[in-house]
């Protein structure tokens, strides 16, 4: 007899979806949270008076969140940073200013002062 672990996403006592991986269940639950927030936004407007249409549209927009954010002009998800934390600690004030990161220049200057 095998033991099978299942992750169930449940809303208001209703089982929505079952997953084999916790990460997938968490992602789906987060998407449902986003859909709920969008549905509340749609309900506050007079653009879509039908509650079923609000739910369907909110679910669709939540499913396509990345494309929606891109269409709204949000920045694409940043790739992994090239610098590690040790690189940032070793960055001098001049280096931070030269690469256009003034927030690093503050941290670097305080580190430079501590080192002196």
PDB file of N, CA and C in Angstrom:
ATOM      1  N   UNK A   1       0.846  -1.178   0.000  1.00  0.00           N
ATOM      2  CA  UNK A   1       0.000   0.000   0.000  1.00  0.00           C
ATOM      3  C   UNK A   1       0.891   1.241   0.000  1.00  0.00           C
ATOM      4  N   UNK A   2       0.659   2.139  -0.917  1.00  0.00           N
ATOM      5  CA  UNK A   2       1.456   3.352  -1.043  1.00  0.00           C
ATOM      6  C   UNK A   2       0.769   4.514  -0.342  1.00  0.00           C
ATOM      7  N   UNK A   3       1.583   5.374   0.193  1.00  0.00           N
ATOM      8  CA  UNK A   3       1.077   6.590   0.812  1.00  0.00           C
ATOM      9  C   UNK A   3       1.252   7.721  -0.200  1.00  0.00           C
ATOM     10  N   UNK A   4       0.164   8.422  -0.473  1.00  0.00           N
ATOM     11  CA  UNK A   4       0.189   9.508  -1.439  1.00  0.00           C
ATOM     12  C   UNK A   4      -0.185  10.798  -0.716  1.00  0.00           C
ATOM     13  N   UNK A   5       0.692  11.783  -0.841  1.00  0.00           N
ATOM     14  CA  UNK A   5       0.437  13.084  -0.230  1.00  0.00           C
ATOM     15  C   UNK A   5      -0.211  13.973  -1.286  1.00  0.00           C
ATOM     16  N   UNK A   6      -1.331  14.583  -0.909  1.00  0.00           N
ATOM     17  CA  UNK A   6      -2.030  15.494  -1.814  1.00  0.00           C
ATOM     18  C   UNK A   6      -2.247  16.814  -1.092  1.00  0.00           C
ATOM     19  N   UNK A   7      -2.098  17.877  -1.847  1.00  0.00           N
ATOM     20  CA  UNK A   7      -2.334  19.215  -1.327  1.00  0.00           C
ATOM     21  C   UNK A   7      -3.611  19.747  -1.954  1.00  0.00           C
ATOM     22  N   UNK A   8      -4.563  20.070  -1.105  1.00  0.00           N
ATOM     23  CA  UNK A   8      -5.871  20.507  -1.577  1.00  0.00           C
ATOM     24  C   UNK A   8      -6.028  22.000  -1.312  1.00  0.00           C
ATOM     25  N   UNK A   9      -6.392  22.727  -2.357  1.00  0.00           N
ATOM     26  CA  UNK A   9      -6.695  24.148  -2.210  1.00  0.00           C
ATOM     27  C   UNK A   9      -8.194  24.242  -1.998  1.00  0.00           C
ATOM     28  N   UNK A  10      -8.561  24.855  -0.877  1.00  0.00           N
ATOM     29  CA  UNK A  10      -9.969  24.932  -0.492  1.00  0.00           C
ATOM     30  C   UNK A  10     -10.316  26.385  -0.214  1.00  0.00           C
ATOM     31  N   UNK A  11     -11.466  26.800  -0.706  1.00  0.00           N
ATOM     32  CA  UNK A  11     -11.971  28.156  -0.474  1.00  0.00           C
ATOM     33  C   UNK A  11     -13.398  28.075   0.031  1.00  0.00           C
ATOM     34  N   UNK A  12     -13.636  28.691   1.172  1.00  0.00           N
ATOM     35  CA  UNK A  12     -14.985  28.729   1.754  1.00  0.00           C
ATOM     36  C   UNK A  12     -15.600  27.335   1.848  1.00  0.00           C
ATOM     37  N   UNK A  13     -14.791  26.372   2.234  1.00  0.00           N
ATOM     38  CA  UNK A  13     -15.284  25.012   2.406  1.00  0.00           C
ATOM     39  C   UNK A  13     -15.462  24.232   1.120  1.00  0.00           C
ATOM     40  N   UNK A  14     -15.083  24.810  -0.013  1.00  0.00           N
ATOM     41  CA  UNK A  14     -15.230  24.153  -1.313  1.00  0.00           C
ATOM     42  C   UNK A  14     -13.841  23.793  -1.835  1.00  0.00           C
ATOM     43  N   UNK A  15     -13.674  22.522  -2.186  1.00  0.00           N
ATOM     44  CA  UNK A  15     -12.406  22.069  -2.736  1.00  0.00           C
ATOM     45  C   UNK A  15     -12.270  22.594  -4.164  1.00  0.00           C
ATOM     46  N   UNK A  16     -11.210  23.362  -4.400  1.00  0.00           N
ATOM     47  CA  UNK A  16     -11.006  23.970  -5.711  1.00  0.00           C
ATOM     48  C   UNK A  16     -10.115  23.124  -6.609  1.00  0.00           C
ATOM     49  N   UNK A  17      -8.997  22.624  -6.047  1.00  0.00           N
ATOM     50  CA  UNK A  17      -8.048  21.877  -6.868  1.00  0.00           C
ATOM     51  C   UNK A  17      -7.154  21.051  -5.953  1.00  0.00           C
ATOM     52  N   UNK A  18      -6.671  19.937  -6.468  1.00  0.00           N
ATOM     53  CA  UNK A  18      -5.761  19.071  -5.736  1.00  0.00           C
ATOM     54  C   UNK A  18      -4.444  18.992  -6.489  1.00  0.00           C
ATOM     55  N   UNK A  19      -3.337  19.069  -5.745  1.00  0.00           N
ATOM     56  CA  UNK A  19      -2.003  19.051  -6.340  1.00  0.00           C
ATOM     57  C   UNK A  19      -1.127  18.029  -5.651  1.00  0.00           C
ATOM     58  N   UNK A  20      -0.118  17.560  -6.358  1.00  0.00           N
ATOM     59  CA  UNK A  20       0.846  16.625  -5.790  1.00  0.00           C
ATOM     60  C   UNK A  20       2.000  17.376  -5.130  1.00  0.00           C
ATOM     61  N   UNK A  21       2.237  18.628  -5.522  1.00  0.00           N
ATOM     62  CA  UNK A  21       3.347  19.404  -4.976  1.00  0.00           C
ATOM     63  C   UNK A  21       2.825  20.611  -4.209  1.00  0.00           C
ATOM     64  N   UNK A  22       3.436  20.868  -3.069  1.00  0.00           N
ATOM     65  CA  UNK A  22       3.026  21.992  -2.237  1.00  0.00           C
ATOM     66  C   UNK A  22       3.218  23.323  -2.960  1.00  0.00           C
ATOM     67  N   UNK A  23       4.310  23.463  -3.701  1.00  0.00           N
ATOM     68  CA  UNK A  23       4.584  24.713  -4.414  1.00  0.00           C
ATOM     69  C   UNK A  23       3.483  25.028  -5.420  1.00  0.00           C
ATOM     70  N   UNK A  24       3.004  24.008  -6.116  1.00  0.00           N
ATOM     71  CA  UNK A  24       1.916  24.211  -7.084  1.00  0.00           C
ATOM     72  C   UNK A  24       0.634  24.632  -6.375  1.00  0.00           C
ATOM     73  N   UNK A  25       0.351  24.004  -5.246  1.00  0.00           N
ATOM     74  CA  UNK A  25      -0.852  24.355  -4.481  1.00  0.00           C
ATOM     75  C   UNK A  25      -0.759  25.782  -3.962  1.00  0.00           C
ATOM     76  N   UNK A  26       0.419  26.176  -3.478  1.00  0.00           N
ATOM     77  CA  UNK A  26       0.610  27.543  -2.988  1.00  0.00           C
ATOM     78  C   UNK A  26       0.449  28.562  -4.117  1.00  0.00           C
ATOM     79  N   UNK A  27       1.001  28.248  -5.291  1.00  0.00           N
ATOM     80  CA  UNK A  27       0.885  29.156  -6.442  1.00  0.00           C
ATOM     81  C   UNK A  27      -0.578  29.315  -6.855  1.00  0.00           C
ATOM     82  N   UNK A  28      -1.329  28.225  -6.859  1.00  0.00           N
ATOM     83  CA  UNK A  28      -2.743  28.284  -7.235  1.00  0.00           C
ATOM     84  C   UNK A  28      -3.535  29.080  -6.194  1.00  0.00           C
ATOM     85  N   UNK A  29      -3.212  28.878  -4.926  1.00  0.00           N
ATOM     86  CA  UNK A  29      -3.889  29.607  -3.858  1.00  0.00           C
ATOM     87  C   UNK A  29      -3.616  31.104  -3.977  1.00  0.00           C
ATOM     88  N   UNK A  30      -2.378  31.457  -4.298  1.00  0.00           N
ATOM     89  CA  UNK A  30      -2.027  32.861  -4.489  1.00  0.00           C
ATOM     90  C   UNK A  30      -2.786  33.441  -5.680  1.00  0.00           C
ATOM     91  N   UNK A  31      -2.899  32.669  -6.761  1.00  0.00           N
ATOM     92  CA  UNK A  31      -3.636  33.120  -7.936  1.00  0.00           C
ATOM     93  C   UNK A  31      -5.109  33.357  -7.576  1.00  0.00           C
ATOM     94  N   UNK A  32      -5.681  32.504  -6.726  1.00  0.00           N
ATOM     95  CA  UNK A  32      -7.066  32.702  -6.289  1.00  0.00           C
ATOM     96  C   UNK A  32      -7.201  33.966  -5.439  1.00  0.00           C
ATOM     97  N   UNK A  33      -6.183  34.251  -4.627  1.00  0.00           N
ATOM     98  CA  UNK A  33      -6.192  35.497  -3.846  1.00  0.00           C
ATOM     99  C   UNK A  33      -6.201  36.713  -4.766  1.00  0.00           C
ATOM    100  N   UNK A  34      -5.376  36.656  -5.812  1.00  0.00           N
ATOM    101  CA  UNK A  34      -5.311  37.755  -6.780  1.00  0.00           C
ATOM    102  C   UNK A  34      -6.658  37.910  -7.487  1.00  0.00           C
ATOM    103  N   UNK A  35      -7.257  36.786  -7.886  1.00  0.00           N
ATOM    104  CA  UNK A  35      -8.559  36.819  -8.556  1.00  0.00           C
ATOM    105  C   UNK A  35      -9.620  37.439  -7.652  1.00  0.00           C
ATOM    106  N   UNK A  36      -9.558  37.122  -6.376  1.00  0.00           N
ATOM    107  CA  UNK A  36     -10.527  37.676  -5.426  1.00  0.00           C
ATOM    108  C   UNK A  36     -10.362  39.190  -5.308  1.00  0.00           C
ATOM    109  N   UNK A  37      -9.119  39.655  -5.269  1.00  0.00           N
ATOM    110  CA  UNK A  37      -8.860  41.100  -5.207  1.00  0.00           C
ATOM    111  C   UNK A  37      -9.339  41.805  -6.473  1.00  0.00           C
ATOM    112  N   UNK A  38      -9.094  41.194  -7.623  1.00  0.00           N
ATOM    113  CA  UNK A  38      -9.539  41.773  -8.899  1.00  0.00           C
ATOM    114  C   UNK A  38     -11.058  41.796  -8.963  1.00  0.00           C
ATOM    115  N   UNK A  39     -11.699  40.747  -8.473  1.00  0.00           N
ATOM    116  CA  UNK A  39     -13.168  40.680  -8.487  1.00  0.00           C
ATOM    117  C   UNK A  39     -13.756  41.805  -7.648  1.00  0.00           C
ATOM    118  N   UNK A  40     -13.137  42.100  -6.513  1.00  0.00           N
ATOM    119  CA  UNK A  40     -13.607  43.209  -5.675  1.00  0.00           C
ATOM    120  C   UNK A  40     -13.455  44.545  -6.394  1.00  0.00           C
ATOM    121  N   UNK A  41     -12.378  44.691  -7.137  1.00  0.00           N
ATOM    122  CA  UNK A  41     -12.165  45.900  -7.921  1.00  0.00           C
ATOM    123  C   UNK A  41     -13.235  46.031  -9.001  1.00  0.00           C
ATOM    124  N   UNK A  42     -13.530  44.930  -9.688  1.00  0.00           N
ATOM    125  CA  UNK A  42     -14.557  44.949 -10.729  1.00  0.00           C
ATOM    126  C   UNK A  42     -15.940  45.218 -10.142  1.00  0.00           C
ATOM    127  N   UNK A  43     -16.212  44.677  -8.965  1.00  0.00           N
ATOM    128  CA  UNK A  43     -17.506  44.887  -8.322  1.00  0.00           C
ATOM    129  C   UNK A  43     -17.703  46.354  -7.942  1.00  0.00           C
ATOM    130  N   UNK A  44     -16.610  47.041  -7.656  1.00  0.00           N
ATOM    131  CA  UNK A  44     -16.699  48.449  -7.276  1.00  0.00           C
ATOM    132  C   UNK A  44     -16.960  49.357  -8.479  1.00  0.00           C
ATOM    133  N   UNK A  45     -16.746  48.828  -9.682  1.00  0.00           N
ATOM    134  CA  UNK A  45     -16.994  49.624 -10.883  1.00  0.00           C
ATOM    135  C   UNK A  45     -18.367  49.275 -11.455  1.00  0.00           C
ATOM    136  N   UNK A  46     -18.839  50.113 -12.359  1.00  0.00           N
ATOM    137  CA  UNK A  46     -20.117  49.835 -13.012  1.00  0.00           C
ATOM    138  C   UNK A  46     -19.906  49.214 -14.393  1.00  0.00           C
ATOM    139  N   UNK A  47     -18.669  48.839 -14.702  1.00  0.00           N
ATOM    140  CA  UNK A  47     -18.342  48.304 -16.021  1.00  0.00           C
ATOM    141  C   UNK A  47     -18.879  46.897 -16.252  1.00  0.00           C
ATOM    142  N   UNK A  48     -18.951  46.139 -15.186  1.00  0.00           N
ATOM    143  CA  UNK A  48     -19.351  44.732 -15.314  1.00  0.00           C
ATOM    144  C   UNK A  48     -20.330  44.406 -14.181  1.00  0.00           C
ATOM    145  N   UNK A  49     -21.621  44.684 -14.379  1.00  0.00           N
ATOM    146  CA  UNK A  49     -22.581  44.502 -13.291  1.00  0.00           C
ATOM    147  C   UNK A  49     -22.904  43.037 -12.976  1.00  0.00           C
ATOM    148  N   UNK A  50     -22.671  42.128 -13.917  1.00  0.00           N
ATOM    149  CA  UNK A  50     -22.976  40.721 -13.717  1.00  0.00           C
ATOM    150  C   UNK A  50     -21.884  40.070 -12.854  1.00  0.00           C
ATOM    151  N   UNK A  51     -22.284  39.523 -11.699  1.00  0.00           N
ATOM    152  CA  UNK A  51     -21.316  38.951 -10.760  1.00  0.00           C
ATOM    153  C   UNK A  51     -20.579  37.749 -11.344  1.00  0.00           C
ATOM    154  N   UNK A  52     -21.248  36.941 -12.130  1.00  0.00           N
ATOM    155  CA  UNK A  52     -20.600  35.783 -12.743  1.00  0.00           C
ATOM    156  C   UNK A  52     -19.523  36.239 -13.741  1.00  0.00           C
ATOM    157  N   UNK A  53     -19.834  37.274 -14.511  1.00  0.00           N
ATOM    158  CA  UNK A  53     -18.841  37.809 -15.440  1.00  0.00           C
ATOM    159  C   UNK A  53     -17.653  38.419 -14.694  1.00  0.00           C
ATOM    160  N   UNK A  54     -17.930  39.065 -13.571  1.00  0.00           N
ATOM    161  CA  UNK A  54     -16.854  39.618 -12.747  1.00  0.00           C
ATOM    162  C   UNK A  54     -15.921  38.503 -12.289  1.00  0.00           C
ATOM    163  N   UNK A  55     -16.509  37.410 -11.800  1.00  0.00           N
ATOM    164  CA  UNK A  55     -15.711  36.278 -11.332  1.00  0.00           C
ATOM    165  C   UNK A  55     -14.876  35.676 -12.456  1.00  0.00           C
ATOM    166  N   UNK A  56     -15.492  35.486 -13.609  1.00  0.00           N
ATOM    167  CA  UNK A  56     -14.789  34.886 -14.739  1.00  0.00           C
ATOM    168  C   UNK A  56     -13.666  35.791 -15.242  1.00  0.00           C
ATOM    169  N   UNK A  57     -13.945  37.085 -15.344  1.00  0.00           N
ATOM    170  CA  UNK A  57     -12.937  38.029 -15.801  1.00  0.00           C
ATOM    171  C   UNK A  57     -11.795  38.131 -14.794  1.00  0.00           C
ATOM    172  N   UNK A  58     -12.115  38.181 -13.513  1.00  0.00           N
ATOM    173  CA  UNK A  58     -11.093  38.259 -12.465  1.00  0.00           C
ATOM    174  C   UNK A  58     -10.208  37.020 -12.487  1.00  0.00           C
ATOM    175  N   UNK A  59     -10.804  35.847 -12.663  1.00  0.00           N
ATOM    176  CA  UNK A  59     -10.044  34.596 -12.723  1.00  0.00           C
ATOM    177  C   UNK A  59      -9.128  34.596 -13.943  1.00  0.00           C
ATOM    178  N   UNK A  60      -9.639  35.042 -15.087  1.00  0.00           N
ATOM    179  CA  UNK A  60      -8.842  35.098 -16.307  1.00  0.00           C
ATOM    180  C   UNK A  60      -7.652  36.045 -16.133  1.00  0.00           C
ATOM    181  N   UNK A  61      -7.906  37.233 -15.585  1.00  0.00           N
ATOM    182  CA  UNK A  61      -6.830  38.212 -15.396  1.00  0.00           C
ATOM    183  C   UNK A  61      -5.788  37.703 -14.399  1.00  0.00           C
ATOM    184  N   UNK A  62      -6.233  37.015 -13.361  1.00  0.00           N
ATOM    185  CA  UNK A  62      -5.294  36.456 -12.390  1.00  0.00           C
ATOM    186  C   UNK A  62      -4.446  35.357 -13.021  1.00  0.00           C
ATOM    187  N   UNK A  63      -5.055  34.537 -13.882  1.00  0.00           N
ATOM    188  CA  UNK A  63      -4.311  33.483 -14.569  1.00  0.00           C
ATOM    189  C   UNK A  63      -3.257  34.069 -15.498  1.00  0.00           C
ATOM    190  N   UNK A  64      -3.517  35.222 -16.054  1.00  0.00           N
ATOM    191  CA  UNK A  64      -2.616  35.858 -17.009  1.00  0.00           C
ATOM    192  C   UNK A  64      -1.963  37.102 -16.406  1.00  0.00           C
ATOM    193  N   UNK A  65      -1.646  37.000 -15.129  1.00  0.00           N
ATOM    194  CA  UNK A  65      -1.091  38.123 -14.368  1.00  0.00           C
ATOM    195  C   UNK A  65       0.166  38.692 -15.018  1.00  0.00           C
ATOM    196  N   UNK A  66       1.095  37.835 -15.420  1.00  0.00           N
ATOM    197  CA  UNK A  66       2.355  38.322 -15.984  1.00  0.00           C
ATOM    198  C   UNK A  66       2.129  39.109 -17.268  1.00  0.00           C
ATOM    199  N   UNK A  67       1.269  38.585 -18.148  1.00  0.00           N
ATOM    200  CA  UNK A  67       0.969  39.291 -19.389  1.00  0.00           C
ATOM    201  C   UNK A  67       0.252  40.605 -19.115  1.00  0.00           C
ATOM    202  N   UNK A  68      -0.632  40.606 -18.122  1.00  0.00           N
ATOM    203  CA  UNK A  68      -1.362  41.815 -17.750  1.00  0.00           C
ATOM    204  C   UNK A  68      -0.399  42.874 -17.224  1.00  0.00           C
ATOM    205  N   UNK A  69       0.509  42.473 -16.361  1.00  0.00           N
ATOM    206  CA  UNK A  69       1.481  43.422 -15.841  1.00  0.00           C
ATOM    207  C   UNK A  69       2.361  43.981 -16.949  1.00  0.00           C
ATOM    208  N   UNK A  70       2.734  43.134 -17.885  1.00  0.00           N
ATOM    209  CA  UNK A  70       3.542  43.587 -19.007  1.00  0.00           C
ATOM    210  C   UNK A  70       2.754  44.588 -19.857  1.00  0.00           C
ATOM    211  N   UNK A  71       1.486  44.300 -20.100  1.00  0.00           N
ATOM    212  CA  UNK A  71       0.642  45.205 -20.883  1.00  0.00           C
ATOM    213  C   UNK A  71       0.446  46.540 -20.167  1.00  0.00           C
ATOM    214  N   UNK A  72       0.442  46.510 -18.842  1.00  0.00           N
ATOM    215  CA  UNK A  72       0.288  47.741 -18.066  1.00  0.00           C
ATOM    216  C   UNK A  72       1.601  48.507 -17.929  1.00  0.00           C
ATOM    217  N   UNK A  73       2.677  47.939 -18.452  1.00  0.00           N
ATOM    218  CA  UNK A  73       3.952  48.637 -18.451  1.00  0.00           C
ATOM    219  C   UNK A  73       4.827  48.333 -17.255  1.00  0.00           C
ATOM    220  N   UNK A  74       4.474  47.329 -16.485  1.00  0.00           N
ATOM    221  CA  UNK A  74       5.334  46.956 -15.360  1.00  0.00           C
ATOM    222  C   UNK A  74       6.599  46.308 -15.898  1.00  0.00           C
ATOM    223  N   UNK A  75       7.661  46.425 -15.154  1.00  0.00           N
ATOM    224  CA  UNK A  75       8.926  45.844 -15.584  1.00  0.00           C
ATOM    225  C   UNK A  75       8.825  44.327 -15.555  1.00  0.00           C
ATOM    226  N   UNK A  76       9.510  43.693 -16.500  1.00  0.00           N
ATOM    227  CA  UNK A  76       9.584  42.239 -16.506  1.00  0.00           C
ATOM    228  C   UNK A  76      10.349  41.806 -15.266  1.00  0.00           C
ATOM    229  N   UNK A  77      10.104  40.594 -14.824  1.00  0.00           N
ATOM    230  CA  UNK A  77      10.808  40.100 -13.654  1.00  0.00           C
ATOM    231  C   UNK A  77      12.302  40.174 -13.894  1.00  0.00           C
ATOM    232  N   UNK A  78      12.987  40.722 -12.918  1.00  0.00           N
ATOM    233  CA  UNK A  78      14.435  40.890 -13.051  1.00  0.00           C
ATOM    234  C   UNK A  78      15.124  39.533 -13.009  1.00  0.00           C
ATOM    235  N   UNK A  79      16.119  39.401 -13.846  1.00  0.00           N
ATOM    236  CA  UNK A  79      16.919  38.184 -13.831  1.00  0.00           C
ATOM    237  C   UNK A  79      17.728  38.176 -12.547  1.00  0.00           C
ATOM    238  N   UNK A  80      18.302  37.029 -12.228  1.00  0.00           N
ATOM    239  CA  UNK A  80      19.110  36.946 -11.021  1.00  0.00           C
ATOM    240  C   UNK A  80      20.219  37.978 -11.090  1.00  0.00           C
ATOM    241  N   UNK A  81      20.475  38.589  -9.949  1.00  0.00           N
ATOM    242  CA  UNK A  81      21.509  39.609  -9.896  1.00  0.00           C
ATOM    243  C   UNK A  81      22.867  38.954 -10.101  1.00  0.00           C
ATOM    244  N   UNK A  82      23.740  39.684 -10.816  1.00  0.00           N
ATOM    245  CA  UNK A  82      25.079  39.185 -11.072  1.00  0.00           C
ATOM    246  C   UNK A  82      25.962  39.308  -9.839  1.00  0.00           C
ATOM    247  N   UNK A  83      25.690  40.299  -9.019  1.00  0.00           N
ATOM    248  CA  UNK A  83      26.529  40.536  -7.850  1.00  0.00           C
ATOM    249  C   UNK A  83      26.018  39.730  -6.668  1.00  0.00           C
ATOM    250  N   UNK A  84      26.937  39.192  -5.913  1.00  0.00           N
ATOM    251  CA  UNK A  84      26.574  38.514  -4.675  1.00  0.00           C
ATOM    252  C   UNK A  84      26.681  39.516  -3.548  1.00  0.00           C
ATOM    253  N   UNK A  85      26.268  39.126  -2.355  1.00  0.00           N
ATOM    254  CA  UNK A  85      26.338  40.046  -1.228  1.00  0.00           C
ATOM    255  C   UNK A  85      27.774  40.434  -0.934  1.00  0.00           C
ATOM    256  N   UNK A  86      28.715  39.514  -1.091  1.00  0.00           N
ATOM    257  CA  UNK A  86      30.103  39.854  -0.826  1.00  0.00           C
ATOM    258  C   UNK A  86      30.606  40.859  -1.838  1.00  0.00           C
ATOM    259  N   UNK A  87      30.121  40.803  -3.071  1.00  0.00           N
ATOM    260  CA  UNK A  87      30.509  41.787  -4.071  1.00  0.00           C
ATOM    261  C   UNK A  87      30.014  43.173  -3.671  1.00  0.00           C
ATOM    262  N   UNK A  88      28.795  43.235  -3.127  1.00  0.00           N
ATOM    263  CA  UNK A  88      28.241  44.521  -2.723  1.00  0.00           C
ATOM    264  C   UNK A  88      29.043  45.087  -1.563  1.00  0.00           C
ATOM    265  N   UNK A  89      29.442  44.251  -0.620  1.00  0.00           N
ATOM    266  CA  UNK A  89      30.229  44.706   0.519  1.00  0.00           C
ATOM    267  C   UNK A  89      31.572  45.243   0.044  1.00  0.00           C
ATOM    268  N   UNK A  90      32.153  44.633  -0.982  1.00  0.00           N
ATOM    269  CA  UNK A  90      33.455  45.062  -1.494  1.00  0.00           C
ATOM    270  C   UNK A  90      33.358  46.232  -2.466  1.00  0.00           C
ATOM    271  N   UNK A  91      32.165  46.669  -2.807  1.00  0.00           N
ATOM    272  CA  UNK A  91      31.987  47.772  -3.744  1.00  0.00           C
ATOM    273  C   UNK A  91      32.371  49.077  -3.073  1.00  0.00           C
ATOM    274  N   UNK A  92      33.175  49.868  -3.745  1.00  0.00           N
ATOM    275  CA  UNK A  92      33.545  51.172  -3.195  1.00  0.00           C
ATOM    276  C   UNK A  92      32.500  52.196  -3.583  1.00  0.00           C
ATOM    277  N   UNK A  93      32.566  53.342  -2.974  1.00  0.00           N
ATOM    278  CA  UNK A  93      31.622  54.414  -3.276  1.00  0.00           C
ATOM    279  C   UNK A  93      31.705  54.803  -4.740  1.00  0.00           C
ATOM    280  N   UNK A  94      32.894  54.937  -5.259  1.00  0.00           N
ATOM    281  CA  UNK A  94      33.062  55.332  -6.663  1.00  0.00           C
ATOM    282  C   UNK A  94      32.472  54.282  -7.594  1.00  0.00           C
ATOM    283  N   UNK A  95      32.669  53.005  -7.280  1.00  0.00           N
ATOM    284  CA  UNK A  95      32.099  51.937  -8.115  1.00  0.00           C
ATOM    285  C   UNK A  95      30.579  52.006  -8.104  1.00  0.00           C
ATOM    286  N   UNK A  96      29.993  52.237  -6.943  1.00  0.00           N
ATOM    287  CA  UNK A  96      28.537  52.282  -6.829  1.00  0.00           C
ATOM    288  C   UNK A  96      27.972  53.440  -7.626  1.00  0.00           C
ATOM    289  N   UNK A  97      28.647  54.592  -7.572  1.00  0.00           N
ATOM    290  CA  UNK A  97      28.166  55.749  -8.318  1.00  0.00           C
ATOM    291  C   UNK A  97      28.332  55.519  -9.814  1.00  0.00           C
ATOM    292  N   UNK A  98      29.456  54.904 -10.216  1.00  0.00           N
ATOM    293  CA  UNK A  98      29.737  54.684 -11.626  1.00  0.00           C
ATOM    294  C   UNK A  98      28.696  53.756 -12.258  1.00  0.00           C
ATOM    295  N   UNK A  99      28.219  52.724 -11.539  1.00  0.00           N
ATOM    296  CA  UNK A  99      27.227  51.823 -12.112  1.00  0.00           C
ATOM    297  C   UNK A  99      25.815  52.344 -11.928  1.00  0.00           C
ATOM    298  N   UNK A 100      25.682  53.538 -11.362  1.00  0.00           N
ATOM    299  CA  UNK A 100      24.363  54.162 -11.262  1.00  0.00           C
ATOM    300  C   UNK A 100      23.518  53.629 -10.144  1.00  0.00           C
ATOM    301  N   UNK A 101      24.128  53.220  -9.055  1.00  0.00           N
ATOM    302  CA  UNK A 101      23.370  52.707  -7.925  1.00  0.00           C
ATOM    303  C   UNK A 101      23.696  53.539  -6.685  1.00  0.00           C
ATOM    304  N   UNK A 102      23.067  54.708  -6.563  1.00  0.00           N
ATOM    305  CA  UNK A 102      23.374  55.575  -5.430  1.00  0.00           C
ATOM    306  C   UNK A 102      23.047  54.938  -4.089  1.00  0.00           C
ATOM    307  N   UNK A 103      22.084  54.017  -4.057  1.00  0.00           N
ATOM    308  CA  UNK A 103      21.752  53.378  -2.787  1.00  0.00           C
ATOM    309  C   UNK A 103      22.912  52.526  -2.291  1.00  0.00           C
ATOM    310  N   UNK A 104      23.725  52.016  -3.236  1.00  0.00           N
ATOM    311  CA  UNK A 104      24.906  51.255  -2.846  1.00  0.00           C
ATOM    312  C   UNK A 104      26.003  52.190  -2.361  1.00  0.00           C
ATOM    313  N   UNK A 105      26.028  53.405  -2.890  1.00  0.00           N
ATOM    314  CA  UNK A 105      27.079  54.332  -2.489  1.00  0.00           C
ATOM    315  C   UNK A 105      26.938  54.691  -1.017  1.00  0.00           C
ATOM    316  N   UNK A 106      25.710  54.765  -0.509  1.00  0.00           N
ATOM    317  CA  UNK A 106      25.495  55.057   0.900  1.00  0.00           C
ATOM    318  C   UNK A 106      26.029  53.924   1.751  1.00  0.00           C
ATOM    319  N   UNK A 107      25.675  52.687   1.367  1.00  0.00           N
ATOM    320  CA  UNK A 107      26.132  51.526   2.114  1.00  0.00           C
ATOM    321  C   UNK A 107      27.643  51.381   1.996  1.00  0.00           C
ATOM    322  N   UNK A 108      28.170  51.618   0.810  1.00  0.00           N
ATOM    323  CA  UNK A 108      29.606  51.477   0.613  1.00  0.00           C
ATOM    324  C   UNK A 108      30.375  52.536   1.363  1.00  0.00           C
ATOM    325  N   UNK A 109      29.859  53.778   1.378  1.00  0.00           N
ATOM    326  CA  UNK A 109      30.567  54.826   2.093  1.00  0.00           C
ATOM    327  C   UNK A 109      30.569  54.557   3.589  1.00  0.00           C
ATOM    328  N   UNK A 110      29.482  54.022   4.126  1.00  0.00           N
ATOM    329  CA  UNK A 110      29.474  53.696   5.545  1.00  0.00           C
ATOM    330  C   UNK A 110      30.419  52.548   5.846  1.00  0.00           C
ATOM    331  N   UNK A 111      30.557  51.603   4.931  1.00  0.00           N
ATOM    332  CA  UNK A 111      31.510  50.524   5.095  1.00  0.00           C
ATOM    333  C   UNK A 111      32.942  51.045   4.982  1.00  0.00           C
ATOM    334  N   UNK A 112      33.161  51.989   4.065  1.00  0.00           N
ATOM    335  CA  UNK A 112      34.479  52.594   3.909  1.00  0.00           C
ATOM    336  C   UNK A 112      34.874  53.332   5.192  1.00  0.00           C
ATOM    337  N   UNK A 113      33.912  54.011   5.823  1.00  0.00           N
ATOM    338  CA  UNK A 113      34.187  54.741   7.046  1.00  0.00           C
ATOM    339  C   UNK A 113      34.513  53.780   8.183  1.00  0.00           C
ATOM    340  N   UNK A 114      33.785  52.656   8.237  1.00  0.00           N
ATOM    341  CA  UNK A 114      34.031  51.668   9.272  1.00  0.00           C
ATOM    342  C   UNK A 114      35.400  51.025   9.106  1.00  0.00           C
ATOM    343  N   UNK A 115      35.816  50.834   7.861  1.00  0.00           N
ATOM    344  CA  UNK A 115      37.094  50.201   7.601  1.00  0.00           C
ATOM    345  C   UNK A 115      38.252  51.124   7.949  1.00  0.00           C
ATOM    346  N   UNK A 116      38.022  52.436   7.874  1.00  0.00           N
ATOM    347  CA  UNK A 116      39.100  53.409   8.107  1.00  0.00           C
ATOM    348  C   UNK A 116      39.448  53.570   9.547  1.00  0.00           C
TER     349      UNK A 116
END
